[in-house]
Amino acid sequence: MSGTTPWPGSGAGDGYALTPGVHGNIARRLDSASKALDGKAAGAPPAPDAGICSAAVAAKLKSLTESLTGVVEGLSAAADAVVDNGQVYEAADQASTINPHGS
Protein backbone atom coordinates (compact mmCIF):
# COMPACT_ATOMS: atom_id res chain seq x y z
CA MET A 1 0.00 0.00 0.00
CA SER A 2 1.38 3.39 -0.90
CA GLY A 3 2.14 5.52 2.13
CA THR A 4 3.10 2.64 4.36
CA THR A 5 6.59 1.82 5.51
CA PRO A 6 7.86 -1.19 7.41
CA TRP A 7 8.02 -0.46 11.10
CA PRO A 8 11.61 -0.16 12.29
CA GLY A 9 10.70 -1.74 15.59
CA SER A 10 12.84 -3.30 18.25
CA GLY A 11 11.82 -6.82 17.36
CA ALA A 12 8.74 -6.81 19.60
CA GLY A 13 6.50 -7.30 16.61
CA ASP A 14 6.01 -6.50 12.99
CA GLY A 15 3.95 -3.52 11.98
CA TYR A 16 3.59 -0.60 9.63
CA ALA A 17 3.77 3.14 10.03
CA LEU A 18 1.51 5.28 7.87
CA THR A 19 2.77 8.52 6.45
CA PRO A 20 0.65 11.60 7.27
CA GLY A 21 -2.34 12.06 5.02
CA VAL A 22 -2.73 8.44 3.93
CA HIS A 23 -6.10 8.07 5.64
CA GLY A 24 -7.35 11.25 3.98
CA ASN A 25 -6.19 10.06 0.56
CA ILE A 26 -7.96 6.73 0.99
CA ALA A 27 -11.14 8.42 2.23
CA ARG A 28 -11.14 10.83 -0.73
CA ARG A 29 -10.81 7.95 -3.19
CA LEU A 30 -13.68 6.06 -1.56
CA ASP A 31 -15.82 9.19 -1.48
CA SER A 32 -15.01 9.96 -5.12
CA ALA A 33 -16.01 6.44 -6.16
CA SER A 34 -19.23 6.75 -4.17
CA LYS A 35 -20.13 10.03 -5.88
CA ALA A 36 -19.25 8.69 -9.33
CA LEU A 37 -21.55 5.70 -8.86
CA ASP A 38 -24.30 7.69 -7.16
CA GLY A 39 -25.51 9.19 -10.43
CA LYS A 40 -25.74 5.74 -11.95
CA ALA A 41 -27.75 4.48 -8.97
CA ALA A 42 -30.30 7.30 -9.24
CA GLY A 43 -32.62 5.17 -11.34
CA ALA A 44 -32.76 2.30 -13.74
CA PRO A 45 -32.27 3.20 -17.38
CA PRO A 46 -35.22 2.68 -19.67
CA ALA A 47 -35.70 -0.92 -20.66
CA PRO A 48 -34.43 -1.71 -24.12
CA ASP A 49 -36.68 -3.20 -26.73
CA ALA A 50 -35.76 -6.83 -26.20
CA GLY A 51 -38.95 -8.32 -27.56
CA ILE A 52 -40.52 -10.88 -25.27
CA CYS A 53 -37.56 -10.49 -22.87
CA SER A 54 -38.11 -6.76 -22.30
CA ALA A 55 -39.84 -7.24 -18.94
CA ALA A 56 -37.09 -9.58 -17.69
CA VAL A 57 -34.35 -7.19 -18.82
CA ALA A 58 -36.14 -4.26 -17.13
CA ALA A 59 -36.41 -6.26 -13.91
CA LYS A 60 -32.69 -7.08 -13.99
CA LEU A 61 -31.79 -3.45 -14.65
CA LYS A 62 -33.90 -2.39 -11.67
CA SER A 63 -32.24 -5.03 -9.48
CA LEU A 64 -28.78 -3.91 -10.61
CA THR A 65 -29.63 -0.29 -9.83
CA GLU A 66 -30.84 -1.23 -6.34
CA SER A 67 -27.63 -3.19 -5.74
CA LEU A 68 -25.58 -0.24 -6.93
CA THR A 69 -27.33 1.94 -4.34
CA GLY A 70 -26.00 -0.41 -1.66
CA VAL A 71 -22.49 -0.15 -3.08
CA VAL A 72 -22.72 3.66 -3.02
CA GLU A 73 -23.85 3.61 0.61
CA GLY A 74 -21.11 1.14 1.51
CA LEU A 75 -18.37 3.25 -0.12
CA SER A 76 -19.62 6.34 1.68
CA ALA A 77 -19.69 4.53 5.02
CA ALA A 78 -16.19 3.16 4.39
CA ALA A 79 -14.90 6.67 3.64
CA ASP A 80 -16.40 7.93 6.91
CA ALA A 81 -14.86 5.03 8.84
CA VAL A 82 -11.42 5.68 7.32
CA VAL A 83 -11.63 9.36 8.33
CA ASP A 84 -12.68 8.42 11.88
CA ASN A 85 -9.98 5.77 12.21
CA GLY A 86 -7.41 8.12 10.73
CA GLN A 87 -8.14 10.60 13.50
CA VAL A 88 -7.75 7.87 16.11
CA TYR A 89 -4.51 6.68 14.51
CA GLU A 90 -3.06 10.19 14.34
CA ALA A 91 -4.05 10.97 17.94
CA ALA A 92 -2.45 7.74 19.15
CA ASP A 93 0.64 8.43 17.06
CA GLN A 94 1.00 11.93 18.53
CA ALA A 95 0.43 10.67 22.06
CA SER A 96 3.08 7.98 21.84
CA THR A 97 6.75 8.49 22.26
CA ILE A 98 9.23 5.98 20.98
CA ASN A 99 12.75 5.97 22.30
CA PRO A 100 14.88 3.62 20.20
CA HIS A 101 17.52 3.53 22.95
CA GLY A 102 15.14 2.15 25.58
CA SER A 103 15.59 4.95 28.09
PDB file of N, CA and C in Angstrom:
ATOM      1  N   MET A   1       0.850  -1.171   0.000  1.00  0.00           N
ATOM      2  CA  MET A   1       0.000   0.000   0.000  1.00  0.00           C
ATOM      3  C   MET A   1       0.891   1.228   0.000  1.00  0.00           C
ATOM      4  N   SER A   2       0.613   2.162  -0.847  1.00  0.00           N
ATOM      5  CA  SER A   2       1.379   3.387  -0.902  1.00  0.00           C
ATOM      6  C   SER A   2       1.172   4.170   0.384  1.00  0.00           C
ATOM      7  N   GLY A   3       2.242   4.734   0.907  1.00  0.00           N
ATOM      8  CA  GLY A   3       2.142   5.516   2.129  1.00  0.00           C
ATOM      9  C   GLY A   3       2.450   4.714   3.375  1.00  0.00           C
ATOM     10  N   THR A   4       2.745   3.440   3.206  1.00  0.00           N
ATOM     11  CA  THR A   4       3.102   2.638   4.364  1.00  0.00           C
ATOM     12  C   THR A   4       4.585   2.318   4.293  1.00  0.00           C
ATOM     13  N   THR A   5       5.180   2.206   5.447  1.00  0.00           N
ATOM     14  CA  THR A   5       6.586   1.824   5.510  1.00  0.00           C
ATOM     15  C   THR A   5       6.730   0.758   6.575  1.00  0.00           C
ATOM     16  N   PRO A   6       7.648  -0.181   6.370  1.00  0.00           N
ATOM     17  CA  PRO A   6       7.860  -1.186   7.415  1.00  0.00           C
ATOM     18  C   PRO A   6       8.266  -0.510   8.712  1.00  0.00           C
ATOM     19  N   TRP A   7       7.759  -1.016   9.786  1.00  0.00           N
ATOM     20  CA  TRP A   7       8.024  -0.464  11.104  1.00  0.00           C
ATOM     21  C   TRP A   7       9.439  -0.831  11.534  1.00  0.00           C
ATOM     22  N   PRO A   8      10.247   0.155  11.886  1.00  0.00           N
ATOM     23  CA  PRO A   8      11.612  -0.158  12.295  1.00  0.00           C
ATOM     24  C   PRO A   8      11.669  -0.495  13.782  1.00  0.00           C
ATOM     25  N   GLY A   9      10.854  -1.428  14.181  1.00  0.00           N
ATOM     26  CA  GLY A   9      10.696  -1.740  15.594  1.00  0.00           C
ATOM     27  C   GLY A   9      11.893  -2.417  16.219  1.00  0.00           C
ATOM     28  N   SER A  10      11.751  -2.709  17.485  1.00  0.00           N
ATOM     29  CA  SER A  10      12.839  -3.298  18.252  1.00  0.00           C
ATOM     30  C   SER A  10      12.741  -4.811  18.282  1.00  0.00           C
ATOM     31  N   GLY A  11      11.963  -5.376  17.390  1.00  0.00           N
ATOM     32  CA  GLY A  11      11.819  -6.821  17.365  1.00  0.00           C
ATOM     33  C   GLY A  11      10.638  -7.313  18.174  1.00  0.00           C
ATOM     34  N   ALA A  12       9.885  -6.418  18.789  1.00  0.00           N
ATOM     35  CA  ALA A  12       8.735  -6.805  19.605  1.00  0.00           C
ATOM     36  C   ALA A  12       7.575  -7.257  18.742  1.00  0.00           C
ATOM     37  N   GLY A  13       7.573  -6.903  17.500  1.00  0.00           N
ATOM     38  CA  GLY A  13       6.497  -7.303  16.605  1.00  0.00           C
ATOM     39  C   GLY A  13       6.626  -6.595  15.280  1.00  0.00           C
ATOM     40  N   ASP A  14       5.990  -7.134  14.305  1.00  0.00           N
ATOM     41  CA  ASP A  14       6.013  -6.501  12.992  1.00  0.00           C
ATOM     42  C   ASP A  14       4.850  -5.532  12.912  1.00  0.00           C
ATOM     43  N   GLY A  15       5.017  -4.495  12.130  1.00  0.00           N
ATOM     44  CA  GLY A  15       3.952  -3.522  11.981  1.00  0.00           C
ATOM     45  C   GLY A  15       4.267  -2.565  10.851  1.00  0.00           C
ATOM     46  N   TYR A  16       3.407  -1.602  10.667  1.00  0.00           N
ATOM     47  CA  TYR A  16       3.588  -0.604   9.634  1.00  0.00           C
ATOM     48  C   TYR A  16       3.306   0.771  10.196  1.00  0.00           C
ATOM     49  N   ALA A  17       4.008   1.747   9.687  1.00  0.00           N
ATOM     50  CA  ALA A  17       3.767   3.140  10.032  1.00  0.00           C
ATOM     51  C   ALA A  17       3.166   3.801   8.795  1.00  0.00           C
ATOM     52  N   LEU A  18       2.149   4.592   8.984  1.00  0.00           N
ATOM     53  CA  LEU A  18       1.514   5.284   7.865  1.00  0.00           C
ATOM     54  C   LEU A  18       2.025   6.713   7.805  1.00  0.00           C
ATOM     55  N   THR A  19       2.330   7.148   6.614  1.00  0.00           N
ATOM     56  CA  THR A  19       2.765   8.524   6.454  1.00  0.00           C
ATOM     57  C   THR A  19       1.551   9.438   6.628  1.00  0.00           C
ATOM     58  N   PRO A  20       1.780  10.680   7.067  1.00  0.00           N
ATOM     59  CA  PRO A  20       0.649  11.600   7.270  1.00  0.00           C
ATOM     60  C   PRO A  20      -0.163  11.781   5.984  1.00  0.00           C
ATOM     61  N   GLY A  21      -1.453  11.825   6.144  1.00  0.00           N
ATOM     62  CA  GLY A  21      -2.344  12.062   5.016  1.00  0.00           C
ATOM     63  C   GLY A  21      -2.838  10.819   4.298  1.00  0.00           C
ATOM     64  N   VAL A  22      -2.312   9.658   4.636  1.00  0.00           N
ATOM     65  CA  VAL A  22      -2.726   8.440   3.934  1.00  0.00           C
ATOM     66  C   VAL A  22      -4.217   8.173   4.143  1.00  0.00           C
ATOM     67  N   HIS A  23      -4.680   8.315   5.369  1.00  0.00           N
ATOM     68  CA  HIS A  23      -6.105   8.069   5.641  1.00  0.00           C
ATOM     69  C   HIS A  23      -6.982   9.020   4.818  1.00  0.00           C
ATOM     70  N   GLY A  24      -6.585  10.275   4.761  1.00  0.00           N
ATOM     71  CA  GLY A  24      -7.353  11.247   3.979  1.00  0.00           C
ATOM     72  C   GLY A  24      -7.384  10.905   2.501  1.00  0.00           C
ATOM     73  N   ASN A  25      -6.244  10.447   1.968  1.00  0.00           N
ATOM     74  CA  ASN A  25      -6.194  10.056   0.556  1.00  0.00           C
ATOM     75  C   ASN A  25      -7.115   8.877   0.275  1.00  0.00           C
ATOM     76  N   ILE A  26      -7.096   7.900   1.160  1.00  0.00           N
ATOM     77  CA  ILE A  26      -7.963   6.730   0.989  1.00  0.00           C
ATOM     78  C   ILE A  26      -9.421   7.148   1.069  1.00  0.00           C
ATOM     79  N   ALA A  27      -9.756   7.975   2.056  1.00  0.00           N
ATOM     80  CA  ALA A  27     -11.139   8.423   2.227  1.00  0.00           C
ATOM     81  C   ALA A  27     -11.616   9.207   1.012  1.00  0.00           C
ATOM     82  N   ARG A  28     -10.755  10.059   0.464  1.00  0.00           N
ATOM     83  CA  ARG A  28     -11.144  10.831  -0.729  1.00  0.00           C
ATOM     84  C   ARG A  28     -11.403   9.925  -1.922  1.00  0.00           C
ATOM     85  N   ARG A  29     -10.597   8.878  -2.069  1.00  0.00           N
ATOM     86  CA  ARG A  29     -10.806   7.952  -3.190  1.00  0.00           C
ATOM     87  C   ARG A  29     -12.118   7.190  -3.033  1.00  0.00           C
ATOM     88  N   LEU A  30     -12.415   6.758  -1.807  1.00  0.00           N
ATOM     89  CA  LEU A  30     -13.681   6.061  -1.564  1.00  0.00           C
ATOM     90  C   LEU A  30     -14.867   6.991  -1.797  1.00  0.00           C
ATOM     91  N   ASP A  31     -14.745   8.223  -1.320  1.00  0.00           N
ATOM     92  CA  ASP A  31     -15.824   9.194  -1.481  1.00  0.00           C
ATOM     93  C   ASP A  31     -16.023   9.542  -2.956  1.00  0.00           C
ATOM     94  N   SER A  32     -14.934   9.669  -3.684  1.00  0.00           N
ATOM     95  CA  SER A  32     -15.014   9.963  -5.117  1.00  0.00           C
ATOM     96  C   SER A  32     -15.701   8.829  -5.870  1.00  0.00           C
ATOM     97  N   ALA A  33     -15.364   7.602  -5.519  1.00  0.00           N
ATOM     98  CA  ALA A  33     -16.008   6.440  -6.158  1.00  0.00           C
ATOM     99  C   ALA A  33     -17.494   6.403  -5.831  1.00  0.00           C
ATOM    100  N   SER A  34     -17.828   6.723  -4.581  1.00  0.00           N
ATOM    101  CA  SER A  34     -19.233   6.749  -4.166  1.00  0.00           C
ATOM    102  C   SER A  34     -20.015   7.777  -4.979  1.00  0.00           C
ATOM    103  N   LYS A  35     -19.443   8.965  -5.127  1.00  0.00           N
ATOM    104  CA  LYS A  35     -20.127  10.028  -5.876  1.00  0.00           C
ATOM    105  C   LYS A  35     -20.247   9.683  -7.363  1.00  0.00           C
ATOM    106  N   ALA A  36     -19.209   9.053  -7.911  1.00  0.00           N
ATOM    107  CA  ALA A  36     -19.247   8.688  -9.329  1.00  0.00           C
ATOM    108  C   ALA A  36     -20.341   7.660  -9.604  1.00  0.00           C
ATOM    109  N   LEU A  37     -20.520   6.737  -8.677  1.00  0.00           N
ATOM    110  CA  LEU A  37     -21.548   5.705  -8.858  1.00  0.00           C
ATOM    111  C   LEU A  37     -22.946   6.187  -8.482  1.00  0.00           C
ATOM    112  N   ASP A  38     -23.006   7.229  -7.649  1.00  0.00           N
ATOM    113  CA  ASP A  38     -24.296   7.691  -7.164  1.00  0.00           C
ATOM    114  C   ASP A  38     -25.222   8.118  -8.301  1.00  0.00           C
ATOM    115  N   GLY A  39     -24.687   8.779  -9.291  1.00  0.00           N
ATOM    116  CA  GLY A  39     -25.509   9.194 -10.428  1.00  0.00           C
ATOM    117  C   GLY A  39     -26.067   8.006 -11.196  1.00  0.00           C
ATOM    118  N   LYS A  40     -25.298   6.948 -11.254  1.00  0.00           N
ATOM    119  CA  LYS A  40     -25.741   5.743 -11.953  1.00  0.00           C
ATOM    120  C   LYS A  40     -26.821   5.010 -11.151  1.00  0.00           C
ATOM    121  N   ALA A  41     -26.795   5.179  -9.831  1.00  0.00           N
ATOM    122  CA  ALA A  41     -27.752   4.484  -8.973  1.00  0.00           C
ATOM    123  C   ALA A  41     -29.051   5.269  -8.814  1.00  0.00           C
ATOM    124  N   ALA A  42     -29.118   6.446  -9.410  1.00  0.00           N
ATOM    125  CA  ALA A  42     -30.297   7.303  -9.241  1.00  0.00           C
ATOM    126  C   ALA A  42     -31.566   6.671  -9.808  1.00  0.00           C
ATOM    127  N   GLY A  43     -31.438   5.818 -10.772  1.00  0.00           N
ATOM    128  CA  GLY A  43     -32.617   5.167 -11.343  1.00  0.00           C
ATOM    129  C   GLY A  43     -32.222   4.251 -12.472  1.00  0.00           C
ATOM    130  N   ALA A  44     -33.029   3.261 -12.671  1.00  0.00           N
ATOM    131  CA  ALA A  44     -32.755   2.299 -13.739  1.00  0.00           C
ATOM    132  C   ALA A  44     -32.932   2.980 -15.092  1.00  0.00           C
ATOM    133  N   PRO A  45     -32.081   2.650 -16.036  1.00  0.00           N
ATOM    134  CA  PRO A  45     -32.268   3.197 -17.376  1.00  0.00           C
ATOM    135  C   PRO A  45     -33.532   2.614 -17.997  1.00  0.00           C
ATOM    136  N   PRO A  46     -34.037   3.242 -19.025  1.00  0.00           N
ATOM    137  CA  PRO A  46     -35.224   2.679 -19.669  1.00  0.00           C
ATOM    138  C   PRO A  46     -34.913   1.295 -20.234  1.00  0.00           C
ATOM    139  N   ALA A  47     -35.883   0.451 -20.163  1.00  0.00           N
ATOM    140  CA  ALA A  47     -35.698  -0.917 -20.662  1.00  0.00           C
ATOM    141  C   ALA A  47     -35.537  -0.889 -22.170  1.00  0.00           C
ATOM    142  N   PRO A  48     -34.592  -1.655 -22.663  1.00  0.00           N
ATOM    143  CA  PRO A  48     -34.426  -1.713 -24.121  1.00  0.00           C
ATOM    144  C   PRO A  48     -35.544  -2.546 -24.745  1.00  0.00           C
ATOM    145  N   ASP A  49     -35.714  -2.367 -26.016  1.00  0.00           N
ATOM    146  CA  ASP A  49     -36.682  -3.201 -26.727  1.00  0.00           C
ATOM    147  C   ASP A  49     -36.022  -4.551 -26.963  1.00  0.00           C
ATOM    148  N   ALA A  50     -36.351  -5.495 -26.111  1.00  0.00           N
ATOM    149  CA  ALA A  50     -35.762  -6.832 -26.205  1.00  0.00           C
ATOM    150  C   ALA A  50     -36.827  -7.859 -26.523  1.00  0.00           C
ATOM    151  N   GLY A  51     -37.874  -7.410 -27.179  1.00  0.00           N
ATOM    152  CA  GLY A  51     -38.948  -8.321 -27.563  1.00  0.00           C
ATOM    153  C   GLY A  51     -39.620  -8.930 -26.345  1.00  0.00           C
ATOM    154  N   ILE A  52     -39.812 -10.225 -26.381  1.00  0.00           N
ATOM    155  CA  ILE A  52     -40.521 -10.879 -25.274  1.00  0.00           C
ATOM    156  C   ILE A  52     -39.700 -10.879 -23.982  1.00  0.00           C
ATOM    157  N   CYS A  53     -38.426 -10.534 -24.065  1.00  0.00           N
ATOM    158  CA  CYS A  53     -37.560 -10.495 -22.871  1.00  0.00           C
ATOM    159  C   CYS A  53     -37.496  -9.107 -22.238  1.00  0.00           C
ATOM    160  N   SER A  54     -38.202  -8.131 -22.792  1.00  0.00           N
ATOM    161  CA  SER A  54     -38.114  -6.756 -22.299  1.00  0.00           C
ATOM    162  C   SER A  54     -38.428  -6.649 -20.809  1.00  0.00           C
ATOM    163  N   ALA A  55     -39.470  -7.315 -20.357  1.00  0.00           N
ATOM    164  CA  ALA A  55     -39.840  -7.238 -18.938  1.00  0.00           C
ATOM    165  C   ALA A  55     -38.743  -7.838 -18.050  1.00  0.00           C
ATOM    166  N   ALA A  56     -38.157  -8.939 -18.474  1.00  0.00           N
ATOM    167  CA  ALA A  56     -37.090  -9.584 -17.692  1.00  0.00           C
ATOM    168  C   ALA A  56     -35.855  -8.697 -17.648  1.00  0.00           C
ATOM    169  N   VAL A  57     -35.514  -8.080 -18.778  1.00  0.00           N
ATOM    170  CA  VAL A  57     -34.354  -7.185 -18.821  1.00  0.00           C
ATOM    171  C   VAL A  57     -34.608  -5.972 -17.932  1.00  0.00           C
ATOM    172  N   ALA A  58     -35.798  -5.408 -17.982  1.00  0.00           N
ATOM    173  CA  ALA A  58     -36.139  -4.261 -17.135  1.00  0.00           C
ATOM    174  C   ALA A  58     -36.037  -4.630 -15.663  1.00  0.00           C
ATOM    175  N   ALA A  59     -36.480  -5.816 -15.298  1.00  0.00           N
ATOM    176  CA  ALA A  59     -36.405  -6.258 -13.907  1.00  0.00           C
ATOM    177  C   ALA A  59     -34.954  -6.399 -13.456  1.00  0.00           C
ATOM    178  N   LYS A  60     -34.113  -6.932 -14.319  1.00  0.00           N
ATOM    179  CA  LYS A  60     -32.688  -7.082 -13.986  1.00  0.00           C
ATOM    180  C   LYS A  60     -32.005  -5.723 -13.868  1.00  0.00           C
ATOM    181  N   LEU A  61     -32.356  -4.790 -14.741  1.00  0.00           N
ATOM    182  CA  LEU A  61     -31.791  -3.448 -14.650  1.00  0.00           C
ATOM    183  C   LEU A  61     -32.183  -2.775 -13.333  1.00  0.00           C
ATOM    184  N   LYS A  62     -33.436  -2.964 -12.930  1.00  0.00           N
ATOM    185  CA  LYS A  62     -33.899  -2.393 -11.666  1.00  0.00           C
ATOM    186  C   LYS A  62     -33.145  -3.023 -10.499  1.00  0.00           C
ATOM    187  N   SER A  63     -32.962  -4.326 -10.530  1.00  0.00           N
ATOM    188  CA  SER A  63     -32.237  -5.032  -9.480  1.00  0.00           C
ATOM    189  C   SER A  63     -30.785  -4.564  -9.408  1.00  0.00           C
ATOM    190  N   LEU A  64     -30.162  -4.386 -10.565  1.00  0.00           N
ATOM    191  CA  LEU A  64     -28.783  -3.907 -10.613  1.00  0.00           C
ATOM    192  C   LEU A  64     -28.677  -2.499 -10.024  1.00  0.00           C
ATOM    193  N   THR A  65     -29.628  -1.657 -10.363  1.00  0.00           N
ATOM    194  CA  THR A  65     -29.633  -0.287  -9.830  1.00  0.00           C
ATOM    195  C   THR A  65     -29.781  -0.291  -8.310  1.00  0.00           C
ATOM    196  N   GLU A  66     -30.661  -1.140  -7.794  1.00  0.00           N
ATOM    197  CA  GLU A  66     -30.839  -1.231  -6.343  1.00  0.00           C
ATOM    198  C   GLU A  66     -29.571  -1.735  -5.663  1.00  0.00           C
ATOM    199  N   SER A  67     -28.895  -2.680  -6.282  1.00  0.00           N
ATOM    200  CA  SER A  67     -27.631  -3.185  -5.737  1.00  0.00           C
ATOM    201  C   SER A  67     -26.566  -2.099  -5.754  1.00  0.00           C
ATOM    202  N   LEU A  68     -26.543  -1.322  -6.814  1.00  0.00           N
ATOM    203  CA  LEU A  68     -25.578  -0.236  -6.927  1.00  0.00           C
ATOM    204  C   LEU A  68     -25.792   0.801  -5.829  1.00  0.00           C
ATOM    205  N   THR A  69     -27.031   1.025  -5.445  1.00  0.00           N
ATOM    206  CA  THR A  69     -27.327   1.938  -4.341  1.00  0.00           C
ATOM    207  C   THR A  69     -26.652   1.449  -3.061  1.00  0.00           C
ATOM    208  N   GLY A  70     -26.678   0.154  -2.827  1.00  0.00           N
ATOM    209  CA  GLY A  70     -26.001  -0.409  -1.659  1.00  0.00           C
ATOM    210  C   GLY A  70     -24.497  -0.232  -1.723  1.00  0.00           C
ATOM    211  N   VAL A  71     -23.930  -0.360  -2.913  1.00  0.00           N
ATOM    212  CA  VAL A  71     -22.486  -0.149  -3.080  1.00  0.00           C
ATOM    213  C   VAL A  71     -22.137   1.301  -2.775  1.00  0.00           C
ATOM    214  N   VAL A  72     -22.937   2.238  -3.272  1.00  0.00           N
ATOM    215  CA  VAL A  72     -22.716   3.663  -3.020  1.00  0.00           C
ATOM    216  C   VAL A  72     -22.742   3.944  -1.517  1.00  0.00           C
ATOM    217  N   GLU A  73     -23.749   3.407  -0.837  1.00  0.00           N
ATOM    218  CA  GLU A  73     -23.854   3.614   0.607  1.00  0.00           C
ATOM    219  C   GLU A  73     -22.673   2.987   1.340  1.00  0.00           C
ATOM    220  N   GLY A  74     -22.245   1.808   0.888  1.00  0.00           N
ATOM    221  CA  GLY A  74     -21.106   1.140   1.510  1.00  0.00           C
ATOM    222  C   GLY A  74     -19.811   1.912   1.327  1.00  0.00           C
ATOM    223  N   LEU A  75     -19.572   2.451   0.129  1.00  0.00           N
ATOM    224  CA  LEU A  75     -18.371   3.248  -0.117  1.00  0.00           C
ATOM    225  C   LEU A  75     -18.362   4.513   0.733  1.00  0.00           C
ATOM    226  N   SER A  76     -19.515   5.140   0.857  1.00  0.00           N
ATOM    227  CA  SER A  76     -19.617   6.345   1.681  1.00  0.00           C
ATOM    228  C   SER A  76     -19.354   6.027   3.150  1.00  0.00           C
ATOM    229  N   ALA A  77     -19.922   4.937   3.627  1.00  0.00           N
ATOM    230  CA  ALA A  77     -19.693   4.527   5.022  1.00  0.00           C
ATOM    231  C   ALA A  77     -18.227   4.166   5.245  1.00  0.00           C
ATOM    232  N   ALA A  78     -17.608   3.515   4.268  1.00  0.00           N
ATOM    233  CA  ALA A  78     -16.193   3.163   4.394  1.00  0.00           C
ATOM    234  C   ALA A  78     -15.326   4.421   4.441  1.00  0.00           C
ATOM    235  N   ALA A  79     -15.650   5.414   3.622  1.00  0.00           N
ATOM    236  CA  ALA A  79     -14.901   6.674   3.641  1.00  0.00           C
ATOM    237  C   ALA A  79     -15.006   7.327   5.013  1.00  0.00           C
ATOM    238  N   ASP A  80     -16.209   7.358   5.579  1.00  0.00           N
ATOM    239  CA  ASP A  80     -16.402   7.931   6.915  1.00  0.00           C
ATOM    240  C   ASP A  80     -15.604   7.173   7.967  1.00  0.00           C
ATOM    241  N   ALA A  81     -15.596   5.852   7.867  1.00  0.00           N
ATOM    242  CA  ALA A  81     -14.861   5.030   8.839  1.00  0.00           C
ATOM    243  C   ALA A  81     -13.354   5.265   8.724  1.00  0.00           C
ATOM    244  N   VAL A  82     -12.859   5.421   7.504  1.00  0.00           N
ATOM    245  CA  VAL A  82     -11.424   5.683   7.319  1.00  0.00           C
ATOM    246  C   VAL A  82     -11.052   7.032   7.934  1.00  0.00           C
ATOM    247  N   VAL A  83     -11.891   8.042   7.729  1.00  0.00           N
ATOM    248  CA  VAL A  83     -11.632   9.358   8.334  1.00  0.00           C
ATOM    249  C   VAL A  83     -11.605   9.239   9.855  1.00  0.00           C
ATOM    250  N   ASP A  84     -12.612   8.578  10.423  1.00  0.00           N
ATOM    251  CA  ASP A  84     -12.678   8.420  11.882  1.00  0.00           C
ATOM    252  C   ASP A  84     -11.466   7.662  12.407  1.00  0.00           C
ATOM    253  N   ASN A  85     -11.120   6.562  11.760  1.00  0.00           N
ATOM    254  CA  ASN A  85      -9.977   5.773  12.211  1.00  0.00           C
ATOM    255  C   ASN A  85      -8.663   6.497  11.983  1.00  0.00           C
ATOM    256  N   GLY A  86      -8.602   7.314  10.957  1.00  0.00           N
ATOM    257  CA  GLY A  86      -7.406   8.124  10.729  1.00  0.00           C
ATOM    258  C   GLY A  86      -7.177   9.098  11.864  1.00  0.00           C
ATOM    259  N   GLN A  87      -8.255   9.676  12.364  1.00  0.00           N
ATOM    260  CA  GLN A  87      -8.139  10.604  13.497  1.00  0.00           C
ATOM    261  C   GLN A  87      -7.665   9.870  14.740  1.00  0.00           C
ATOM    262  N   VAL A  88      -8.178   8.676  14.963  1.00  0.00           N
ATOM    263  CA  VAL A  88      -7.751   7.867  16.110  1.00  0.00           C
ATOM    264  C   VAL A  88      -6.277   7.498  15.963  1.00  0.00           C
ATOM    265  N   TYR A  89      -5.897   7.072  14.771  1.00  0.00           N
ATOM    266  CA  TYR A  89      -4.510   6.681  14.510  1.00  0.00           C
ATOM    267  C   TYR A  89      -3.571   7.858  14.750  1.00  0.00           C
ATOM    268  N   GLU A  90      -3.917   9.022  14.191  1.00  0.00           N
ATOM    269  CA  GLU A  90      -3.056  10.191  14.337  1.00  0.00           C
ATOM    270  C   GLU A  90      -2.973  10.657  15.787  1.00  0.00           C
ATOM    271  N   ALA A  91      -4.080  10.593  16.522  1.00  0.00           N
ATOM    272  CA  ALA A  91      -4.051  10.973  17.937  1.00  0.00           C
ATOM    273  C   ALA A  91      -3.163  10.018  18.735  1.00  0.00           C
ATOM    274  N   ALA A  92      -3.282   8.729  18.446  1.00  0.00           N
ATOM    275  CA  ALA A  92      -2.448   7.745  19.148  1.00  0.00           C
ATOM    276  C   ALA A  92      -0.980   7.923  18.774  1.00  0.00           C
ATOM    277  N   ASP A  93      -0.732   8.225  17.511  1.00  0.00           N
ATOM    278  CA  ASP A  93       0.640   8.430  17.059  1.00  0.00           C
ATOM    279  C   ASP A  93       1.266   9.647  17.743  1.00  0.00           C
ATOM    280  N   GLN A  94       0.494  10.723  17.872  1.00  0.00           N
ATOM    281  CA  GLN A  94       0.998  11.929  18.528  1.00  0.00           C
ATOM    282  C   GLN A  94       1.184  11.725  20.024  1.00  0.00           C
ATOM    283  N   ALA A  95       0.358  10.896  20.619  1.00  0.00           N
ATOM    284  CA  ALA A  95       0.430  10.670  22.062  1.00  0.00           C
ATOM    285  C   ALA A  95       1.576   9.736  22.447  1.00  0.00           C
ATOM    286  N   SER A  96       2.018   8.944  21.513  1.00  0.00           N
ATOM    287  CA  SER A  96       3.077   7.976  21.837  1.00  0.00           C
ATOM    288  C   SER A  96       4.449   8.594  21.652  1.00  0.00           C
ATOM    289  N   THR A  97       5.358   8.102  22.434  1.00  0.00           N
ATOM    290  CA  THR A  97       6.751   8.485  22.262  1.00  0.00           C
ATOM    291  C   THR A  97       7.549   7.210  22.162  1.00  0.00           C
ATOM    292  N   ILE A  98       8.411   7.169  21.198  1.00  0.00           N
ATOM    293  CA  ILE A  98       9.228   5.981  20.985  1.00  0.00           C
ATOM    294  C   ILE A  98      10.676   6.378  21.159  1.00  0.00           C
ATOM    295  N   ASN A  99      11.352   5.723  22.084  1.00  0.00           N
ATOM    296  CA  ASN A  99      12.751   5.965  22.301  1.00  0.00           C
ATOM    297  C   ASN A  99      13.506   4.719  21.843  1.00  0.00           C
ATOM    298  N   PRO A 100      14.209   4.802  20.716  1.00  0.00           N
ATOM    299  CA  PRO A 100      14.880   3.620  20.199  1.00  0.00           C
ATOM    300  C   PRO A 100      16.009   3.120  21.093  1.00  0.00           C
ATOM    301  N   HIS A 101      16.414   3.927  22.063  1.00  0.00           N
ATOM    302  CA  HIS A 101      17.519   3.532  22.948  1.00  0.00           C
ATOM    303  C   HIS A 101      17.033   2.900  24.244  1.00  0.00           C
ATOM    304  N   GLY A 102      15.714   2.823  24.409  1.00  0.00           N
ATOM    305  CA  GLY A 102      15.142   2.148  25.578  1.00  0.00           C
ATOM    306  C   GLY A 102      15.255   2.922  26.864  1.00  0.00           C
ATOM    307  N   SER A 103      15.515   4.197  26.838  1.00  0.00           N
ATOM    308  CA  SER A 103      15.593   4.953  28.095  1.00  0.00           C
ATOM    309  C   SER A 103      14.584   6.061  28.126  1.00  0.00           C
TER     310      SER A 103
END
